[in-house]
C-alpha atoms as a PDB file:
ATOM      1  CA  MET A   1     103.950 100.872 115.666  1.00  0.00           C
ATOM      2  CA  ARG A   2     103.913  97.975 113.214  1.00  0.00           C
ATOM      3  CA  SER A   3     107.368  96.753 112.234  1.00  0.00           C
ATOM      4  CA  VAL A   4     106.784  97.643 108.574  1.00  0.00           C
ATOM      5  CA  ASP A   5     105.919 101.221 109.627  1.00  0.00           C
ATOM      6  CA  GLN A   6     109.052 101.357 111.784  1.00  0.00           C
ATOM      7  CA  HIS A   7     111.161 100.100 108.874  1.00  0.00           C
ATOM      8  CA  LYS A   8     109.692 102.720 106.573  1.00  0.00           C
ATOM      9  CA  SER A   9     110.359 105.453 109.145  1.00  0.00           C
ATOM     10  CA  GLU A  10     114.015 104.373 109.211  1.00  0.00           C
ATOM     11  CA  ALA A  11     114.317 104.328 105.414  1.00  0.00           C
ATOM     12  CA  PRO A  12     116.369 106.877 103.473  1.00  0.00           C
ATOM     13  CA  LYS A  13     114.494 110.046 102.513  1.00  0.00           C
ATOM     14  CA  SER A  14     115.609 109.838  98.888  1.00  0.00           C
ATOM     15  CA  VAL A  15     117.095 107.254  96.546  1.00  0.00           C
ATOM     16  CA  ALA A  16     119.379 107.969  93.579  1.00  0.00           C
ATOM     17  CA  CYS A  17     117.832 106.244  90.566  1.00  0.00           C
ATOM     18  CA  GLN A  18     118.814 105.316  87.049  1.00  0.00           C
ATOM     19  CA  ILE A  19     116.090 104.853  84.427  1.00  0.00           C
ATOM     20  CA  ILE A  20     116.724 102.523  81.509  1.00  0.00           C
ATOM     21  CA  THR A  21     114.252 102.201  78.669  1.00  0.00           C
ATOM     22  CA  VAL A  22     114.939  99.047  76.685  1.00  0.00           C
ATOM     23  CA  SER A  23     113.636  99.419  73.158  1.00  0.00           C
ATOM     24  CA  ASP A  24     114.672  99.039  69.551  1.00  0.00           C
ATOM     25  CA  THR A  25     112.278 101.814  68.497  1.00  0.00           C
ATOM     26  CA  ARG A  26     111.926 104.399  71.276  1.00  0.00           C
ATOM     27  CA  THR A  27     113.725 107.725  71.163  1.00  0.00           C
ATOM     28  CA  ALA A  28     114.004 110.658  73.560  1.00  0.00           C
ATOM     29  CA  ASP A  29     111.064 112.229  71.717  1.00  0.00           C
ATOM     30  CA  ASN A  30     108.638 109.308  72.036  1.00  0.00           C
ATOM     31  CA  ASP A  31     109.690 107.505  75.229  1.00  0.00           C
ATOM     32  CA  THR A  32     106.514 108.195  77.191  1.00  0.00           C
ATOM     33  CA  SER A  33     107.177 105.366  79.662  1.00  0.00           C
ATOM     34  CA  GLY A  34     110.671 106.547  80.576  1.00  0.00           C
ATOM     35  CA  LYS A  35     109.438 110.126  80.932  1.00  0.00           C
ATOM     36  CA  LEU A  36     106.576 108.920  83.141  1.00  0.00           C
ATOM     37  CA  MET A  37     109.021 107.064  85.367  1.00  0.00           C
ATOM     38  CA  GLU A  38     111.164 110.171  85.642  1.00  0.00           C
ATOM     39  CA  SER A  39     108.270 112.484  86.501  1.00  0.00           C
ATOM     40  CA  LEU A  40     106.808 110.080  89.086  1.00  0.00           C
ATOM     41  CA  LEU A  41     110.172 109.537  90.762  1.00  0.00           C
ATOM     42  CA  LYS A  42     110.877 113.273  90.987  1.00  0.00           C
ATOM     43  CA  ALA A  43     107.338 114.044  92.212  1.00  0.00           C
ATOM     44  CA  HIS A  44     107.863 111.582  95.076  1.00  0.00           C
ATOM     45  CA  GLY A  45     111.231 112.969  96.163  1.00  0.00           C
ATOM     46  CA  TYR A  46     113.524 110.539  94.407  1.00  0.00           C
ATOM     47  CA  GLU A  47     116.613 111.670  92.519  1.00  0.00           C
ATOM     48  CA  VAL A  48     117.049 110.683  88.868  1.00  0.00           C
ATOM     49  CA  ILE A  49     120.774 110.738  88.142  1.00  0.00           C
ATOM     50  CA  ASP A  50     120.769 108.913  84.809  1.00  0.00           C
ATOM     51  CA  TYR A  51     118.220 108.182  82.108  1.00  0.00           C
ATOM     52  CA  ARG A  52     119.067 106.102  79.046  1.00  0.00           C
ATOM     53  CA  ILE A  53     117.387 104.455  76.118  1.00  0.00           C
ATOM     54  CA  VAL A  54     119.180 101.302  74.986  1.00  0.00           C
ATOM     55  CA  LYS A  55     118.580  98.654  72.352  1.00  0.00           C
ATOM     56  CA  ASP A  56     117.320  95.258  73.478  1.00  0.00           C
ATOM     57  CA  GLU A  57     120.716  93.574  73.207  1.00  0.00           C
ATOM     58  CA  TYR A  58     121.443  91.022  75.937  1.00  0.00           C
ATOM     59  CA  ASP A  59     125.216  91.557  76.293  1.00  0.00           C
ATOM     60  CA  GLU A  60     125.023  95.338  76.149  1.00  0.00           C
ATOM     61  CA  LEU A  61     122.203  95.465  78.679  1.00  0.00           C
ATOM     62  CA  ARG A  62     123.944  93.029  80.984  1.00  0.00           C
ATOM     63  CA  ASN A  63     127.170  95.093  80.814  1.00  0.00           C
ATOM     64  CA  LEU A  64     125.240  98.295  81.550  1.00  0.00           C
ATOM     65  CA  LEU A  65     123.521  96.712  84.561  1.00  0.00           C
ATOM     66  CA  HIS A  66     126.856  95.484  85.872  1.00  0.00           C
ATOM     67  CA  GLU A  67     128.365  98.976  85.473  1.00  0.00           C
ATOM     68  CA  SER A  68     125.336 100.558  87.137  1.00  0.00           C
ATOM     69  CA  ALA A  69     125.594  98.225  90.122  1.00  0.00           C
ATOM     70  CA  GLU A  70     129.287  99.104  90.453  1.00  0.00           C
ATOM     71  CA  ASN A  71     128.531 102.856  90.358  1.00  0.00           C
ATOM     72  CA  SER A  72     128.296 104.041  93.967  1.00  0.00           C
ATOM     73  CA  ARG A  73     126.080 106.973  92.924  1.00  0.00           C
ATOM     74  CA  ILE A  74     123.305 104.668  91.626  1.00  0.00           C
ATOM     75  CA  GLU A  75     121.184 103.065  94.337  1.00  0.00           C
ATOM     76  CA  ALA A  76     118.314 101.767  92.209  1.00  0.00           C
ATOM     77  CA  VAL A  77     117.902 100.889  88.539  1.00  0.00           C
ATOM     78  CA  LEU A  78     114.413 100.975  87.031  1.00  0.00           C
ATOM     79  CA  LEU A  79     114.011  99.381  83.614  1.00  0.00           C
ATOM     80  CA  ASN A  80     111.050  99.370  81.289  1.00  0.00           C
ATOM     81  CA  GLY A  81     110.719  97.287  78.161  1.00  0.00           C
ATOM     82  CA  GLY A  82     111.923  93.965  76.841  1.00  0.00           C
ATOM     83  CA  THR A  83     110.073  91.820  79.388  1.00  0.00           C
ATOM     84  CA  GLY A  84     107.774  89.983  76.987  1.00  0.00           C
ATOM     85  CA  ILE A  85     108.275  86.692  75.182  1.00  0.00           C
ATOM     86  CA  ALA A  86     109.204  87.932  71.709  1.00  0.00           C
ATOM     87  CA  GLN A  87     112.556  86.787  70.314  1.00  0.00           C
ATOM     88  CA  ARG A  88     114.066  90.264  70.859  1.00  0.00           C
ATOM     89  CA  ASP A  89     112.906  90.489  74.500  1.00  0.00           C
ATOM     90  CA  THR A  90     116.039  89.807  76.554  1.00  0.00           C
ATOM     91  CA  THR A  91     115.681  92.187  79.489  1.00  0.00           C
ATOM     92  CA  TYR A  92     114.476  89.455  81.837  1.00  0.00           C
ATOM     93  CA  GLU A  93     117.407  87.199  80.979  1.00  0.00           C
ATOM     94  CA  ALA A  94     119.940  90.019  81.401  1.00  0.00           C
ATOM     95  CA  VAL A  95     118.503  91.098  84.752  1.00  0.00           C
ATOM     96  CA  ILE A  96     117.997  87.633  86.226  1.00  0.00           C
ATOM     97  CA  SER A  97     121.539  86.591  85.267  1.00  0.00           C
ATOM     98  CA  LEU A  98     123.000  89.274  87.566  1.00  0.00           C
ATOM     99  CA  LEU A  99     120.677  89.228  90.572  1.00  0.00           C
ATOM    100  CA  SER A 100     122.265  88.204  93.849  1.00  0.00           C
ATOM    101  CA  LYS A 101     118.807  88.212  95.443  1.00  0.00           C
ATOM    102  CA  GLU A 102     115.458  88.081  93.675  1.00  0.00           C
ATOM    103  CA  LEU A 103     112.287  89.781  94.930  1.00  0.00           C
ATOM    104  CA  PRO A 104     109.699  87.375  93.480  1.00  0.00           C
ATOM    105  CA  GLY A 105     106.868  89.296  95.134  1.00  0.00           C
ATOM    106  CA  PHE A 106     107.356  92.192  92.727  1.00  0.00           C
ATOM    107  CA  GLY A 107     106.555  90.129  89.637  1.00  0.00           C
ATOM    108  CA  GLU A 108     103.817  88.228  91.428  1.00  0.00           C
ATOM    109  CA  ILE A 109     102.046  91.367  92.658  1.00  0.00           C
ATOM    110  CA  PHE A 110     102.554  93.161  89.347  1.00  0.00           C
ATOM    111  CA  ARG A 111     100.945  90.306  87.418  1.00  0.00           C
ATOM    112  CA  PHE A 112      98.117  90.053  89.965  1.00  0.00           C
ATOM    113  CA  LEU A 113      97.383  93.783  89.704  1.00  0.00           C
ATOM    114  CA  SER A 114      97.647  93.629  85.913  1.00  0.00           C
ATOM    115  CA  PHE A 115      95.208  90.729  85.864  1.00  0.00           C
ATOM    116  CA  THR A 116      92.642  92.271  88.194  1.00  0.00           C
ATOM    117  CA  GLU A 117      92.884  95.938  87.196  1.00  0.00           C
ATOM    118  CA  ASP A 118      93.970  96.095  83.613  1.00  0.00           C
ATOM    119  CA  ILE A 119      94.621  93.346  81.116  1.00  0.00           C
ATOM    120  CA  GLY A 120      93.117  90.152  82.482  1.00  0.00           C
ATOM    121  CA  SER A 121      94.701  86.826  81.588  1.00  0.00           C
ATOM    122  CA  ALA A 122      97.223  88.472  79.236  1.00  0.00           C
ATOM    123  CA  ALA A 123      99.138  89.232  82.466  1.00  0.00           C
ATOM    124  CA  ILE A 124     100.765  85.804  82.084  1.00  0.00           C
ATOM    125  CA  LEU A 125     102.880  87.269  79.265  1.00  0.00           C
ATOM    126  CA  SER A 126     104.715  89.653  81.612  1.00  0.00           C
ATOM    127  CA  ARG A 127     108.124  88.733  82.927  1.00  0.00           C
ATOM    128  CA  ALA A 128     108.412  91.670  85.332  1.00  0.00           C
ATOM    129  CA  VAL A 129     111.209  90.972  87.792  1.00  0.00           C
ATOM    130  CA  ALA A 130     113.020  92.707  90.637  1.00  0.00           C
ATOM    131  CA  GLY A 131     115.887  92.038  92.962  1.00  0.00           C
ATOM    132  CA  VAL A 132     119.283  93.162  94.108  1.00  0.00           C
ATOM    133  CA  ILE A 133     122.643  93.272  92.359  1.00  0.00           C
ATOM    134  CA  GLY A 134     125.201  93.784  95.103  1.00  0.00           C
ATOM    135  CA  ARG A 135     123.726  96.770  96.968  1.00  0.00           C
ATOM    136  CA  THR A 136     121.675  98.103  94.031  1.00  0.00           C
ATOM    137  CA  ALA A 137     117.921  97.569  93.780  1.00  0.00           C
ATOM    138  CA  VAL A 138     116.676  96.615  90.313  1.00  0.00           C
ATOM    139  CA  PHE A 139     113.091  96.754  89.069  1.00  0.00           C
ATOM    140  CA  SER A 140     112.243  95.618  85.546  1.00  0.00           C
ATOM    141  CA  MET A 141     108.763  96.127  84.140  1.00  0.00           C
ATOM    142  CA  PRO A 142     107.019  96.073  80.775  1.00  0.00           C
ATOM    143  CA  GLY A 143     107.435  99.088  78.526  1.00  0.00           C
ATOM    144  CA  SER A 144     103.821 100.149  78.110  1.00  0.00           C
ATOM    145  CA  THR A 145     102.869 103.382  79.825  1.00  0.00           C
ATOM    146  CA  GLY A 146      99.999 101.623  81.610  1.00  0.00           C
ATOM    147  CA  ALA A 147     102.323  98.952  82.988  1.00  0.00           C
ATOM    148  CA  VAL A 148     104.858 101.539  84.136  1.00  0.00           C
ATOM    149  CA  LYS A 149     102.148 103.605  85.842  1.00  0.00           C
ATOM    150  CA  LEU A 150     100.790 100.526  87.606  1.00  0.00           C
ATOM    151  CA  ALA A 151     104.181  99.258  88.778  1.00  0.00           C
ATOM    152  CA  MET A 152     105.390 102.673  89.860  1.00  0.00           C
ATOM    153  CA  GLU A 153     102.268 103.858  91.685  1.00  0.00           C
ATOM    154  CA  ARG A 154     101.196 100.603  93.300  1.00  0.00           C
ATOM    155  CA  ILE A 155     104.516  98.911  94.107  1.00  0.00           C
ATOM    156  CA  ILE A 156     107.774 100.789  93.520  1.00  0.00           C
ATOM    157  CA  LEU A 157     107.026 104.287  94.821  1.00  0.00           C
ATOM    158  CA  PRO A 158     105.471 103.007  98.070  1.00  0.00           C
ATOM    159  CA  GLU A 159     108.299 100.525  98.745  1.00  0.00           C
ATOM    160  CA  LEU A 160     111.581 101.749  97.197  1.00  0.00           C
ATOM    161  CA  ARG A 161     112.820 103.554 100.319  1.00  0.00           C
ATOM    162  CA  HIS A 162     111.921 100.496 102.401  1.00  0.00           C
ATOM    163  CA  VAL A 163     113.785  98.232  99.952  1.00  0.00           C
ATOM    164  CA  MET A 164     116.878 100.426 100.271  1.00  0.00           C
ATOM    165  CA  ARG A 165     116.655 100.379 104.068  1.00  0.00           C
ATOM    166  CA  GLU A 166     116.728  96.588 103.966  1.00  0.00           C
ATOM    167  CA  ILE A 167     119.639  96.508 101.523  1.00  0.00           C
ATOM    168  CA  TYR A 168     121.686  98.913 103.648  1.00  0.00           C
ATOM    169  CA  LYS A 169     121.145  97.310 107.057  1.00  0.00           C
END
């Protein structure tokens, strides 16, 4: 058995997740990306214990991430939105400021997949990032439904249990 297969076999069967949609305009009625994240997580056996829509405000988002990482019930935080380069986009800065360990491969692979499968050279505008705050996994991706679908199906869903296994060992 390959070591990666062994690691995955030793991974937890479920992970308790928090979904955070970062947007100045989305509401519970029109947050298609957050709802997609929730449905994909549940369909793959993950637990969604919190789902919020928050404004793109650096201090508020940073405080929420800190609180989430301190909450023993939350094992992984998945954010969508605020990862671009517009003045109001501060998700990347809030996330990166708290990471104890970064997973640069997440952003690299996400941008590669975006480039080859979806949006071409516009992939350079994405500041998708992932890492660990304490013992909490954090994945931050763009807010478009296409970006969420790509990140979830091609990277996060296949690897989240494995990520948690590595954090917990």
